[in-house]
Amino acid sequence: MVTAMKTHAFAAILLSAAASPALAGASGFTLVNGTGGALAALSIARSGTTAWKPLADAPSAGARAAVNFKDPDCAFDIRANVAGVGPVTWAGVNLCDVKSVTLKRDPSAGAWVDYDQ
């Protein structure tokens, strides 16, 4: 019985360590404009919220820009005005442990991101 209790306690410790927010968190990344158009009014919010905060200047089409960003969460929505299209939102972007995020957009496929980890 003691062995079973030790096993359960050890499993609980492992699960709580794996879910610990101290292990997660977004930090600086490179943003690549892969939309094919100019971006303006680049902003970010935690996924599912409407608390939009401006990001650094948006890179021109095909260009990249360093983004200094730090937050304990991982999932964010990124929004920008795409020239000739209007506002576009990239939802649920994972900013934990990534080097760069490429914003993509296609009229028929919608908006998505590619990651370089």
PDB file of N, CA and C in Angstrom:
ATOM      1  N   MET A   1       0.817  -1.186   0.000  1.00  0.00           N
ATOM      2  CA  MET A   1       0.000   0.000   0.000  1.00  0.00           C
ATOM      3  C   MET A   1       0.873   1.268   0.000  1.00  0.00           C
ATOM      4  N   VAL A   2       1.947   1.256   0.770  1.00  0.00           N
ATOM      5  CA  VAL A   2       2.843   2.405   0.819  1.00  0.00           C
ATOM      6  C   VAL A   2       3.471   2.641  -0.551  1.00  0.00           C
ATOM      7  N   THR A   3       3.832   1.563  -1.239  1.00  0.00           N
ATOM      8  CA  THR A   3       4.423   1.692  -2.563  1.00  0.00           C
ATOM      9  C   THR A   3       3.432   2.330  -3.534  1.00  0.00           C
ATOM     10  N   ALA A   4       2.166   1.921  -3.482  1.00  0.00           N
ATOM     11  CA  ALA A   4       1.146   2.492  -4.356  1.00  0.00           C
ATOM     12  C   ALA A   4       0.961   3.975  -4.062  1.00  0.00           C
ATOM     13  N   MET A   5       0.990   4.357  -2.780  1.00  0.00           N
ATOM     14  CA  MET A   5       0.843   5.764  -2.413  1.00  0.00           C
ATOM     15  C   MET A   5       2.023   6.586  -2.921  1.00  0.00           C
ATOM     16  N   LYS A   6       3.226   6.023  -2.829  1.00  0.00           N
ATOM     17  CA  LYS A   6       4.405   6.716  -3.334  1.00  0.00           C
ATOM     18  C   LYS A   6       4.320   6.898  -4.835  1.00  0.00           C
ATOM     19  N   THR A   7       3.847   5.879  -5.520  1.00  0.00           N
ATOM     20  CA  THR A   7       3.711   5.942  -6.970  1.00  0.00           C
ATOM     21  C   THR A   7       2.719   7.032  -7.364  1.00  0.00           C
ATOM     22  N   HIS A   8       1.575   7.088  -6.688  1.00  0.00           N
ATOM     23  CA  HIS A   8       0.569   8.114  -6.983  1.00  0.00           C
ATOM     24  C   HIS A   8       1.093   9.509  -6.662  1.00  0.00           C
ATOM     25  N   ALA A   9       1.813   9.640  -5.557  1.00  0.00           N
ATOM     26  CA  ALA A   9       2.372  10.944  -5.186  1.00  0.00           C
ATOM     27  C   ALA A   9       3.391  11.407  -6.220  1.00  0.00           C
ATOM     28  N   PHE A  10       4.239  10.488  -6.680  1.00  0.00           N
ATOM     29  CA  PHE A  10       5.241  10.819  -7.688  1.00  0.00           C
ATOM     30  C   PHE A  10       4.565  11.234  -8.994  1.00  0.00           C
ATOM     31  N   ALA A  11       3.510  10.521  -9.377  1.00  0.00           N
ATOM     32  CA  ALA A  11       2.777  10.858 -10.606  1.00  0.00           C
ATOM     33  C   ALA A  11       2.137  12.231 -10.484  1.00  0.00           C
ATOM     34  N   ALA A  12       1.598  12.557  -9.327  1.00  0.00           N
ATOM     35  CA  ALA A  12       0.982  13.869  -9.116  1.00  0.00           C
ATOM     36  C   ALA A  12       2.020  14.977  -9.216  1.00  0.00           C
ATOM     37  N   ILE A  13       3.209  14.745  -8.690  1.00  0.00           N
ATOM     38  CA  ILE A  13       4.279  15.745  -8.770  1.00  0.00           C
ATOM     39  C   ILE A  13       4.679  15.966 -10.218  1.00  0.00           C
ATOM     40  N   LEU A  14       4.806  14.887 -10.977  1.00  0.00           N
ATOM     41  CA  LEU A  14       5.168  15.014 -12.390  1.00  0.00           C
ATOM     42  C   LEU A  14       4.107  15.789 -13.169  1.00  0.00           C
ATOM     43  N   LEU A  15       2.835  15.494 -12.918  1.00  0.00           N
ATOM     44  CA  LEU A  15       1.760  16.190 -13.620  1.00  0.00           C
ATOM     45  C   LEU A  15       1.728  17.665 -13.265  1.00  0.00           C
ATOM     46  N   SER A  16       1.909  17.993 -11.993  1.00  0.00           N
ATOM     47  CA  SER A  16       1.864  19.405 -11.619  1.00  0.00           C
ATOM     48  C   SER A  16       3.066  20.148 -12.177  1.00  0.00           C
ATOM     49  N   ALA A  17       4.218  19.511 -12.260  1.00  0.00           N
ATOM     50  CA  ALA A  17       5.399  20.157 -12.836  1.00  0.00           C
ATOM     51  C   ALA A  17       5.205  20.392 -14.324  1.00  0.00           C
ATOM     52  N   ALA A  18       4.576  19.447 -15.005  1.00  0.00           N
ATOM     53  CA  ALA A  18       4.353  19.590 -16.443  1.00  0.00           C
ATOM     54  C   ALA A  18       3.355  20.703 -16.737  1.00  0.00           C
ATOM     55  N   ALA A  19       2.410  20.938 -15.832  1.00  0.00           N
ATOM     56  CA  ALA A  19       1.402  21.966 -16.052  1.00  0.00           C
ATOM     57  C   ALA A  19       1.796  23.314 -15.461  1.00  0.00           C
ATOM     58  N   SER A  20       2.944  23.400 -14.886  1.00  0.00           N
ATOM     59  CA  SER A  20       3.380  24.612 -14.207  1.00  0.00           C
ATOM     60  C   SER A  20       3.556  25.764 -15.181  1.00  0.00           C
ATOM     61  N   PRO A  21       2.939  26.922 -14.890  1.00  0.00           N
ATOM     62  CA  PRO A  21       3.097  28.063 -15.781  1.00  0.00           C
ATOM     63  C   PRO A  21       4.520  28.600 -15.800  1.00  0.00           C
ATOM     64  N   ALA A  22       5.329  28.246 -14.823  1.00  0.00           N
ATOM     65  CA  ALA A  22       6.715  28.719 -14.806  1.00  0.00           C
ATOM     66  C   ALA A  22       7.496  28.148 -15.983  1.00  0.00           C
ATOM     67  N   LEU A  23       7.035  27.037 -16.527  1.00  0.00           N
ATOM     68  CA  LEU A  23       7.719  26.424 -17.659  1.00  0.00           C
ATOM     69  C   LEU A  23       7.299  27.050 -18.985  1.00  0.00           C
ATOM     70  N   ALA A  24       6.198  27.774 -18.972  1.00  0.00           N
ATOM     71  CA  ALA A  24       5.667  28.339 -20.207  1.00  0.00           C
ATOM     72  C   ALA A  24       5.944  29.838 -20.260  1.00  0.00           C
ATOM     73  N   GLY A  25       5.553  30.429 -21.340  1.00  0.00           N
ATOM     74  CA  GLY A  25       5.653  31.872 -21.469  1.00  0.00           C
ATOM     75  C   GLY A  25       6.201  32.281 -22.816  1.00  0.00           C
ATOM     76  N   ALA A  26       5.631  33.353 -23.318  1.00  0.00           N
ATOM     77  CA  ALA A  26       6.070  33.902 -24.597  1.00  0.00           C
ATOM     78  C   ALA A  26       7.221  34.869 -24.358  1.00  0.00           C
ATOM     79  N   SER A  27       8.136  34.890 -25.309  1.00  0.00           N
ATOM     80  CA  SER A  27       9.234  35.855 -25.239  1.00  0.00           C
ATOM     81  C   SER A  27       9.475  36.398 -26.641  1.00  0.00           C
ATOM     82  N   GLY A  28      10.497  37.221 -26.799  1.00  0.00           N
ATOM     83  CA  GLY A  28      10.762  37.858 -28.078  1.00  0.00           C
ATOM     84  C   GLY A  28      10.785  36.876 -29.238  1.00  0.00           C
ATOM     85  N   PHE A  29      10.346  37.338 -30.391  1.00  0.00           N
ATOM     86  CA  PHE A  29      10.306  36.510 -31.596  1.00  0.00           C
ATOM     87  C   PHE A  29      10.470  37.396 -32.816  1.00  0.00           C
ATOM     88  N   THR A  30      10.673  36.787 -33.948  1.00  0.00           N
ATOM     89  CA  THR A  30      10.744  37.509 -35.213  1.00  0.00           C
ATOM     90  C   THR A  30       9.416  37.336 -35.930  1.00  0.00           C
ATOM     91  N   LEU A  31       8.845  38.434 -36.365  1.00  0.00           N
ATOM     92  CA  LEU A  31       7.593  38.408 -37.101  1.00  0.00           C
ATOM     93  C   LEU A  31       7.897  38.605 -38.580  1.00  0.00           C
ATOM     94  N   VAL A  32       7.403  37.697 -39.404  1.00  0.00           N
ATOM     95  CA  VAL A  32       7.625  37.757 -40.844  1.00  0.00           C
ATOM     96  C   VAL A  32       6.287  38.028 -41.525  1.00  0.00           C
ATOM     97  N   ASN A  33       6.271  39.000 -42.407  1.00  0.00           N
ATOM     98  CA  ASN A  33       5.061  39.325 -43.156  1.00  0.00           C
ATOM     99  C   ASN A  33       5.031  38.480 -44.425  1.00  0.00           C
ATOM    100  N   GLY A  34       4.294  37.384 -44.368  1.00  0.00           N
ATOM    101  CA  GLY A  34       4.143  36.510 -45.525  1.00  0.00           C
ATOM    102  C   GLY A  34       2.792  36.655 -46.186  1.00  0.00           C
ATOM    103  N   THR A  35       2.147  37.811 -45.984  1.00  0.00           N
ATOM    104  CA  THR A  35       0.806  38.018 -46.531  1.00  0.00           C
ATOM    105  C   THR A  35       0.810  38.471 -47.983  1.00  0.00           C
ATOM    106  N   GLY A  36       1.942  38.977 -48.458  1.00  0.00           N
ATOM    107  CA  GLY A  36       2.001  39.495 -49.812  1.00  0.00           C
ATOM    108  C   GLY A  36       1.545  40.939 -49.914  1.00  0.00           C
ATOM    109  N   GLY A  37       1.154  41.540 -48.788  1.00  0.00           N
ATOM    110  CA  GLY A  37       0.726  42.931 -48.787  1.00  0.00           C
ATOM    111  C   GLY A  37       1.297  43.677 -47.599  1.00  0.00           C
ATOM    112  N   ALA A  38       1.142  44.983 -47.624  1.00  0.00           N
ATOM    113  CA  ALA A  38       1.612  45.802 -46.512  1.00  0.00           C
ATOM    114  C   ALA A  38       0.704  45.597 -45.306  1.00  0.00           C
ATOM    115  N   LEU A  39       1.287  45.652 -44.119  1.00  0.00           N
ATOM    116  CA  LEU A  39       0.537  45.543 -42.865  1.00  0.00           C
ATOM    117  C   LEU A  39       0.554  46.877 -42.145  1.00  0.00           C
ATOM    118  N   ALA A  40      -0.526  47.172 -41.447  1.00  0.00           N
ATOM    119  CA  ALA A  40      -0.606  48.375 -40.622  1.00  0.00           C
ATOM    120  C   ALA A  40      -1.383  48.026 -39.359  1.00  0.00           C
ATOM    121  N   ALA A  41      -1.229  48.849 -38.340  1.00  0.00           N
ATOM    122  CA  ALA A  41      -1.964  48.703 -37.082  1.00  0.00           C
ATOM    123  C   ALA A  41      -1.810  47.297 -36.495  1.00  0.00           C
ATOM    124  N   LEU A  42      -0.586  46.829 -36.405  1.00  0.00           N
ATOM    125  CA  LEU A  42      -0.297  45.508 -35.859  1.00  0.00           C
ATOM    126  C   LEU A  42      -0.539  45.509 -34.357  1.00  0.00           C
ATOM    127  N   SER A  43      -1.343  44.548 -33.867  1.00  0.00           N
ATOM    128  CA  SER A  43      -1.632  44.481 -32.436  1.00  0.00           C
ATOM    129  C   SER A  43      -1.762  43.023 -31.997  1.00  0.00           C
ATOM    130  N   ILE A  44      -1.752  42.840 -30.663  1.00  0.00           N
ATOM    131  CA  ILE A  44      -1.773  41.496 -30.090  1.00  0.00           C
ATOM    132  C   ILE A  44      -2.678  41.485 -28.863  1.00  0.00           C
ATOM    133  N   ALA A  45      -3.328  40.337 -28.625  1.00  0.00           N
ATOM    134  CA  ALA A  45      -4.164  40.142 -27.439  1.00  0.00           C
ATOM    135  C   ALA A  45      -4.070  38.676 -27.037  1.00  0.00           C
ATOM    136  N   ARG A  46      -4.201  38.418 -25.752  1.00  0.00           N
ATOM    137  CA  ARG A  46      -4.280  37.015 -25.325  1.00  0.00           C
ATOM    138  C   ARG A  46      -5.474  36.394 -26.024  1.00  0.00           C
ATOM    139  N   SER A  47      -5.332  35.157 -26.466  1.00  0.00           N
ATOM    140  CA  SER A  47      -6.410  34.489 -27.202  1.00  0.00           C
ATOM    141  C   SER A  47      -7.716  34.543 -26.431  1.00  0.00           C
ATOM    142  N   GLY A  48      -8.764  34.874 -27.157  1.00  0.00           N
ATOM    143  CA  GLY A  48     -10.086  34.909 -26.563  1.00  0.00           C
ATOM    144  C   GLY A  48     -10.430  36.194 -25.834  1.00  0.00           C
ATOM    145  N   THR A  49      -9.513  37.162 -25.813  1.00  0.00           N
ATOM    146  CA  THR A  49      -9.802  38.436 -25.154  1.00  0.00           C
ATOM    147  C   THR A  49      -9.882  39.545 -26.197  1.00  0.00           C
ATOM    148  N   THR A  50     -10.274  40.722 -25.747  1.00  0.00           N
ATOM    149  CA  THR A  50     -10.340  41.867 -26.645  1.00  0.00           C
ATOM    150  C   THR A  50      -9.414  42.988 -26.177  1.00  0.00           C
ATOM    151  N   ALA A  51      -8.460  42.653 -25.324  1.00  0.00           N
ATOM    152  CA  ALA A  51      -7.511  43.640 -24.800  1.00  0.00           C
ATOM    153  C   ALA A  51      -6.333  43.777 -25.760  1.00  0.00           C
ATOM    154  N   TRP A  52      -6.561  44.400 -26.906  1.00  0.00           N
ATOM    155  CA  TRP A  52      -5.545  44.551 -27.944  1.00  0.00           C
ATOM    156  C   TRP A  52      -4.488  45.551 -27.521  1.00  0.00           C
ATOM    157  N   LYS A  53      -3.222  45.184 -27.717  1.00  0.00           N
ATOM    158  CA  LYS A  53      -2.090  46.064 -27.434  1.00  0.00           C
ATOM    159  C   LYS A  53      -1.276  46.205 -28.711  1.00  0.00           C
ATOM    160  N   PRO A  54      -0.837  47.409 -29.021  1.00  0.00           N
ATOM    161  CA  PRO A  54      -0.041  47.583 -30.243  1.00  0.00           C
ATOM    162  C   PRO A  54       1.293  46.854 -30.145  1.00  0.00           C
ATOM    163  N   LEU A  55       1.718  46.290 -31.270  1.00  0.00           N
ATOM    164  CA  LEU A  55       3.037  45.670 -31.378  1.00  0.00           C
ATOM    165  C   LEU A  55       3.963  46.645 -32.093  1.00  0.00           C
ATOM    166  N   ALA A  56       5.163  46.227 -32.300  1.00  0.00           N
ATOM    167  CA  ALA A  56       6.150  47.047 -33.020  1.00  0.00           C
ATOM    168  C   ALA A  56       5.643  47.362 -34.424  1.00  0.00           C
ATOM    169  N   ASP A  57       6.374  48.197 -35.117  1.00  0.00           N
ATOM    170  CA  ASP A  57       6.012  48.508 -36.493  1.00  0.00           C
ATOM    171  C   ASP A  57       5.911  47.228 -37.317  1.00  0.00           C
ATOM    172  N   ALA A  58       4.909  47.163 -38.163  1.00  0.00           N
ATOM    173  CA  ALA A  58       4.689  45.985 -38.991  1.00  0.00           C
ATOM    174  C   ALA A  58       5.712  45.935 -40.122  1.00  0.00           C
ATOM    175  N   PRO A  59       6.290  44.761 -40.356  1.00  0.00           N
ATOM    176  CA  PRO A  59       7.231  44.643 -41.476  1.00  0.00           C
ATOM    177  C   PRO A  59       6.497  44.735 -42.811  1.00  0.00           C
ATOM    178  N   SER A  60       7.184  45.249 -43.814  1.00  0.00           N
ATOM    179  CA  SER A  60       6.594  45.322 -45.149  1.00  0.00           C
ATOM    180  C   SER A  60       6.481  43.913 -45.726  1.00  0.00           C
ATOM    181  N   ALA A  61       5.808  43.788 -46.846  1.00  0.00           N
ATOM    182  CA  ALA A  61       5.587  42.479 -47.466  1.00  0.00           C
ATOM    183  C   ALA A  61       6.918  41.753 -47.683  1.00  0.00           C
ATOM    184  N   GLY A  62       7.027  40.536 -47.176  1.00  0.00           N
ATOM    185  CA  GLY A  62       8.221  39.718 -47.333  1.00  0.00           C
ATOM    186  C   GLY A  62       9.332  40.032 -46.342  1.00  0.00           C
ATOM    187  N   ALA A  63       9.162  41.069 -45.540  1.00  0.00           N
ATOM    188  CA  ALA A  63      10.214  41.470 -44.595  1.00  0.00           C
ATOM    189  C   ALA A  63       9.956  40.872 -43.217  1.00  0.00           C
ATOM    190  N   ARG A  64      10.958  41.001 -42.356  1.00  0.00           N
ATOM    191  CA  ARG A  64      10.861  40.502 -40.991  1.00  0.00           C
ATOM    192  C   ARG A  64      11.245  41.595 -40.016  1.00  0.00           C
ATOM    193  N   ALA A  65      10.694  41.488 -38.797  1.00  0.00           N
ATOM    194  CA  ALA A  65      11.001  42.471 -37.756  1.00  0.00           C
ATOM    195  C   ALA A  65      11.082  41.758 -36.414  1.00  0.00           C
ATOM    196  N   ALA A  66      12.039  42.168 -35.611  1.00  0.00           N
ATOM    197  CA  ALA A  66      12.159  41.626 -34.258  1.00  0.00           C
ATOM    198  C   ALA A  66      11.064  42.234 -33.390  1.00  0.00           C
ATOM    199  N   VAL A  67      10.412  41.386 -32.595  1.00  0.00           N
ATOM    200  CA  VAL A  67       9.367  41.836 -31.688  1.00  0.00           C
ATOM    201  C   VAL A  67       9.816  41.532 -30.271  1.00  0.00           C
ATOM    202  N   ASN A  68       9.974  42.572 -29.480  1.00  0.00           N
ATOM    203  CA  ASN A  68      10.310  42.405 -28.066  1.00  0.00           C
ATOM    204  C   ASN A  68       9.008  42.243 -27.309  1.00  0.00           C
ATOM    205  N   PHE A  69       8.778  41.029 -26.816  1.00  0.00           N
ATOM    206  CA  PHE A  69       7.499  40.712 -26.195  1.00  0.00           C
ATOM    207  C   PHE A  69       7.741  39.671 -25.123  1.00  0.00           C
ATOM    208  N   LYS A  70       7.107  39.841 -23.982  1.00  0.00           N
ATOM    209  CA  LYS A  70       7.231  38.861 -22.908  1.00  0.00           C
ATOM    210  C   LYS A  70       5.897  38.784 -22.182  1.00  0.00           C
ATOM    211  N   ASP A  71       5.425  37.559 -21.983  1.00  0.00           N
ATOM    212  CA  ASP A  71       4.156  37.341 -21.305  1.00  0.00           C
ATOM    213  C   ASP A  71       4.152  35.917 -20.754  1.00  0.00           C
ATOM    214  N   PRO A  72       3.522  35.674 -19.620  1.00  0.00           N
ATOM    215  CA  PRO A  72       3.504  34.322 -19.059  1.00  0.00           C
ATOM    216  C   PRO A  72       2.620  33.343 -19.842  1.00  0.00           C
ATOM    217  N   ASP A  73       1.730  33.856 -20.701  1.00  0.00           N
ATOM    218  CA  ASP A  73       0.869  32.980 -21.497  1.00  0.00           C
ATOM    219  C   ASP A  73       1.562  32.577 -22.795  1.00  0.00           C
ATOM    220  N   CYS A  74       0.941  31.660 -23.513  1.00  0.00           N
ATOM    221  CA  CYS A  74       1.489  31.187 -24.792  1.00  0.00           C
ATOM    222  C   CYS A  74       0.596  31.519 -25.985  1.00  0.00           C
ATOM    223  N   ALA A  75      -0.718  31.485 -25.804  1.00  0.00           N
ATOM    224  CA  ALA A  75      -1.654  31.622 -26.923  1.00  0.00           C
ATOM    225  C   ALA A  75      -2.125  33.059 -27.085  1.00  0.00           C
ATOM    226  N   PHE A  76      -1.937  33.594 -28.292  1.00  0.00           N
ATOM    227  CA  PHE A  76      -2.292  34.977 -28.577  1.00  0.00           C
ATOM    228  C   PHE A  76      -2.975  35.082 -29.923  1.00  0.00           C
ATOM    229  N   ASP A  77      -3.736  36.154 -30.085  1.00  0.00           N
ATOM    230  CA  ASP A  77      -4.297  36.519 -31.373  1.00  0.00           C
ATOM    231  C   ASP A  77      -3.507  37.726 -31.861  1.00  0.00           C
ATOM    232  N   ILE A  78      -3.156  37.716 -33.130  1.00  0.00           N
ATOM    233  CA  ILE A  78      -2.448  38.846 -33.736  1.00  0.00           C
ATOM    234  C   ILE A  78      -3.374  39.426 -34.798  1.00  0.00           C
ATOM    235  N   ARG A  79      -3.464  40.748 -34.808  1.00  0.00           N
ATOM    236  CA  ARG A  79      -4.360  41.412 -35.750  1.00  0.00           C
ATOM    237  C   ARG A  79      -3.590  42.504 -36.480  1.00  0.00           C
ATOM    238  N   ALA A  80      -3.913  42.683 -37.762  1.00  0.00           N
ATOM    239  CA  ALA A  80      -3.313  43.752 -38.558  1.00  0.00           C
ATOM    240  C   ALA A  80      -4.259  44.112 -39.686  1.00  0.00           C
ATOM    241  N   ASN A  81      -4.109  45.322 -40.176  1.00  0.00           N
ATOM    242  CA  ASN A  81      -4.807  45.720 -41.389  1.00  0.00           C
ATOM    243  C   ASN A  81      -3.910  45.345 -42.558  1.00  0.00           C
ATOM    244  N   VAL A  82      -4.429  44.522 -43.452  1.00  0.00           N
ATOM    245  CA  VAL A  82      -3.684  44.102 -44.637  1.00  0.00           C
ATOM    246  C   VAL A  82      -4.143  44.983 -45.797  1.00  0.00           C
ATOM    247  N   ALA A  83      -3.178  45.587 -46.490  1.00  0.00           N
ATOM    248  CA  ALA A  83      -3.491  46.482 -47.605  1.00  0.00           C
ATOM    249  C   ALA A  83      -4.416  45.796 -48.614  1.00  0.00           C
ATOM    250  N   GLY A  84      -5.481  46.491 -48.972  1.00  0.00           N
ATOM    251  CA  GLY A  84      -6.424  45.973 -49.960  1.00  0.00           C
ATOM    252  C   GLY A  84      -7.397  44.946 -49.420  1.00  0.00           C
ATOM    253  N   VAL A  85      -7.241  44.562 -48.135  1.00  0.00           N
ATOM    254  CA  VAL A  85      -8.097  43.521 -47.551  1.00  0.00           C
ATOM    255  C   VAL A  85      -8.864  44.057 -46.349  1.00  0.00           C
ATOM    256  N   GLY A  86      -8.167  44.762 -45.474  1.00  0.00           N
ATOM    257  CA  GLY A  86      -8.767  45.234 -44.229  1.00  0.00           C
ATOM    258  C   GLY A  86      -8.227  44.453 -43.049  1.00  0.00           C
ATOM    259  N   PRO A  87      -8.937  44.479 -41.916  1.00  0.00           N
ATOM    260  CA  PRO A  87      -8.439  43.801 -40.724  1.00  0.00           C
ATOM    261  C   PRO A  87      -8.441  42.278 -40.873  1.00  0.00           C
ATOM    262  N   VAL A  88      -7.332  41.660 -40.454  1.00  0.00           N
ATOM    263  CA  VAL A  88      -7.194  40.201 -40.469  1.00  0.00           C
ATOM    264  C   VAL A  88      -6.694  39.796 -39.087  1.00  0.00           C
ATOM    265  N   THR A  89      -7.258  38.704 -38.543  1.00  0.00           N
ATOM    266  CA  THR A  89      -6.830  38.193 -37.240  1.00  0.00           C
ATOM    267  C   THR A  89      -6.274  36.789 -37.406  1.00  0.00           C
ATOM    268  N   TRP A  90      -5.088  36.586 -36.870  1.00  0.00           N
ATOM    269  CA  TRP A  90      -4.468  35.264 -36.790  1.00  0.00           C
ATOM    270  C   TRP A  90      -4.724  34.786 -35.371  1.00  0.00           C
ATOM    271  N   ALA A  91      -5.638  33.833 -35.208  1.00  0.00           N
ATOM    272  CA  ALA A  91      -6.096  33.410 -33.884  1.00  0.00           C
ATOM    273  C   ALA A  91      -5.288  32.232 -33.354  1.00  0.00           C
ATOM    274  N   GLY A  92      -5.108  32.225 -32.037  1.00  0.00           N
ATOM    275  CA  GLY A  92      -4.476  31.102 -31.359  1.00  0.00           C
ATOM    276  C   GLY A  92      -3.022  30.887 -31.715  1.00  0.00           C
ATOM    277  N   VAL A  93      -2.278  31.954 -31.900  1.00  0.00           N
ATOM    278  CA  VAL A  93      -0.859  31.852 -32.259  1.00  0.00           C
ATOM    279  C   VAL A  93      -0.069  31.476 -31.012  1.00  0.00           C
ATOM    280  N   ASN A  94       0.685  30.386 -31.088  1.00  0.00           N
ATOM    281  CA  ASN A  94       1.505  29.919 -29.967  1.00  0.00           C
ATOM    282  C   ASN A  94       2.852  30.628 -30.017  1.00  0.00           C
ATOM    283  N   LEU A  95       3.125  31.451 -29.001  1.00  0.00           N
ATOM    284  CA  LEU A  95       4.368  32.210 -28.984  1.00  0.00           C
ATOM    285  C   LEU A  95       5.398  31.643 -28.012  1.00  0.00           C
ATOM    286  N   CYS A  96       5.144  30.464 -27.471  1.00  0.00           N
ATOM    287  CA  CYS A  96       6.118  29.843 -26.576  1.00  0.00           C
ATOM    288  C   CYS A  96       7.121  29.024 -27.382  1.00  0.00           C
ATOM    289  N   ASP A  97       8.390  29.214 -27.080  1.00  0.00           N
ATOM    290  CA  ASP A  97       9.474  28.442 -27.688  1.00  0.00           C
ATOM    291  C   ASP A  97       9.529  28.550 -29.208  1.00  0.00           C
ATOM    292  N   VAL A  98       9.216  29.717 -29.765  1.00  0.00           N
ATOM    293  CA  VAL A  98       9.339  29.915 -31.209  1.00  0.00           C
ATOM    294  C   VAL A  98      10.394  30.984 -31.486  1.00  0.00           C
ATOM    295  N   LYS A  99      11.054  30.830 -32.610  1.00  0.00           N
ATOM    296  CA  LYS A  99      12.027  31.838 -33.050  1.00  0.00           C
ATOM    297  C   LYS A  99      11.356  32.864 -33.943  1.00  0.00           C
ATOM    298  N   SER A 100      10.513  32.369 -34.864  1.00  0.00           N
ATOM    299  CA  SER A 100       9.828  33.292 -35.755  1.00  0.00           C
ATOM    300  C   SER A 100       8.421  32.802 -36.075  1.00  0.00           C
ATOM    301  N   VAL A 101       7.568  33.771 -36.380  1.00  0.00           N
ATOM    302  CA  VAL A 101       6.181  33.515 -36.757  1.00  0.00           C
ATOM    303  C   VAL A 101       5.962  34.227 -38.083  1.00  0.00           C
ATOM    304  N   THR A 102       5.540  33.469 -39.091  1.00  0.00           N
ATOM    305  CA  THR A 102       5.241  34.055 -40.397  1.00  0.00           C
ATOM    306  C   THR A 102       3.734  34.151 -40.553  1.00  0.00           C
ATOM    307  N   LEU A 103       3.249  35.375 -40.706  1.00  0.00           N
ATOM    308  CA  LEU A 103       1.827  35.598 -40.932  1.00  0.00           C
ATOM    309  C   LEU A 103       1.521  35.322 -42.394  1.00  0.00           C
ATOM    310  N   LYS A 104       0.556  34.449 -42.629  1.00  0.00           N
ATOM    311  CA  LYS A 104       0.156  34.076 -43.993  1.00  0.00           C
ATOM    312  C   LYS A 104      -1.321  34.384 -44.171  1.00  0.00           C
ATOM    313  N   ARG A 105      -1.698  34.639 -45.412  1.00  0.00           N
ATOM    314  CA  ARG A 105      -3.092  34.892 -45.729  1.00  0.00           C
ATOM    315  C   ARG A 105      -3.363  34.552 -47.178  1.00  0.00           C
ATOM    316  N   ASP A 106      -4.488  33.896 -47.388  1.00  0.00           N
ATOM    317  CA  ASP A 106      -4.929  33.530 -48.731  1.00  0.00           C
ATOM    318  C   ASP A 106      -6.430  33.809 -48.801  1.00  0.00           C
ATOM    319  N   PRO A 107      -6.910  34.429 -49.874  1.00  0.00           N
ATOM    320  CA  PRO A 107      -8.340  34.756 -49.949  1.00  0.00           C
ATOM    321  C   PRO A 107      -9.251  33.547 -49.774  1.00  0.00           C
ATOM    322  N   SER A 108      -8.838  32.393 -50.247  1.00  0.00           N
ATOM    323  CA  SER A 108      -9.714  31.225 -50.125  1.00  0.00           C
ATOM    324  C   SER A 108      -9.417  30.383 -48.877  1.00  0.00           C
ATOM    325  N   ALA A 109      -8.176  30.387 -48.400  1.00  0.00           N
ATOM    326  CA  ALA A 109      -7.818  29.558 -47.235  1.00  0.00           C
ATOM    327  C   ALA A 109      -7.908  30.307 -45.919  1.00  0.00           C
ATOM    328  N   GLY A 110      -7.905  31.634 -45.945  1.00  0.00           N
ATOM    329  CA  GLY A 110      -7.968  32.414 -44.716  1.00  0.00           C
ATOM    330  C   GLY A 110      -6.589  32.769 -44.198  1.00  0.00           C
ATOM    331  N   ALA A 111      -6.505  32.969 -42.874  1.00  0.00           N
ATOM    332  CA  ALA A 111      -5.257  33.390 -42.233  1.00  0.00           C
ATOM    333  C   ALA A 111      -4.688  32.245 -41.401  1.00  0.00           C
ATOM    334  N   TRP A 112      -3.362  32.079 -41.474  1.00  0.00           N
ATOM    335  CA  TRP A 112      -2.669  31.077 -40.673  1.00  0.00           C
ATOM    336  C   TRP A 112      -1.245  31.550 -40.436  1.00  0.00           C
ATOM    337  N   VAL A 113      -0.542  30.842 -39.558  1.00  0.00           N
ATOM    338  CA  VAL A 113       0.866  31.172 -39.300  1.00  0.00           C
ATOM    339  C   VAL A 113       1.730  29.945 -39.536  1.00  0.00           C
ATOM    340  N   ASP A 114       2.965  30.204 -39.940  1.00  0.00           N
ATOM    341  CA  ASP A 114       4.005  29.177 -40.007  1.00  0.00           C
ATOM    342  C   ASP A 114       5.009  29.511 -38.921  1.00  0.00           C
ATOM    343  N   TYR A 115       5.536  28.471 -38.276  1.00  0.00           N
ATOM    344  CA  TYR A 115       6.481  28.654 -37.171  1.00  0.00           C
ATOM    345  C   TYR A 115       7.870  28.155 -37.523  1.00  0.00           C
ATOM    346  N   ASP A 116       8.882  28.825 -36.971  1.00  0.00           N
ATOM    347  CA  ASP A 116      10.252  28.346 -37.000  1.00  0.00           C
ATOM    348  C   ASP A 116      10.674  28.233 -35.552  1.00  0.00           C
ATOM    349  N   GLN A 117      10.843  26.995 -35.096  1.00  0.00           N
ATOM    350  CA  GLN A 117      11.138  26.792 -33.671  1.00  0.00           C
ATOM    351  C   GLN A 117      12.562  26.508 -33.490  1.00  0.00           C
TER     352      GLN A 117
END
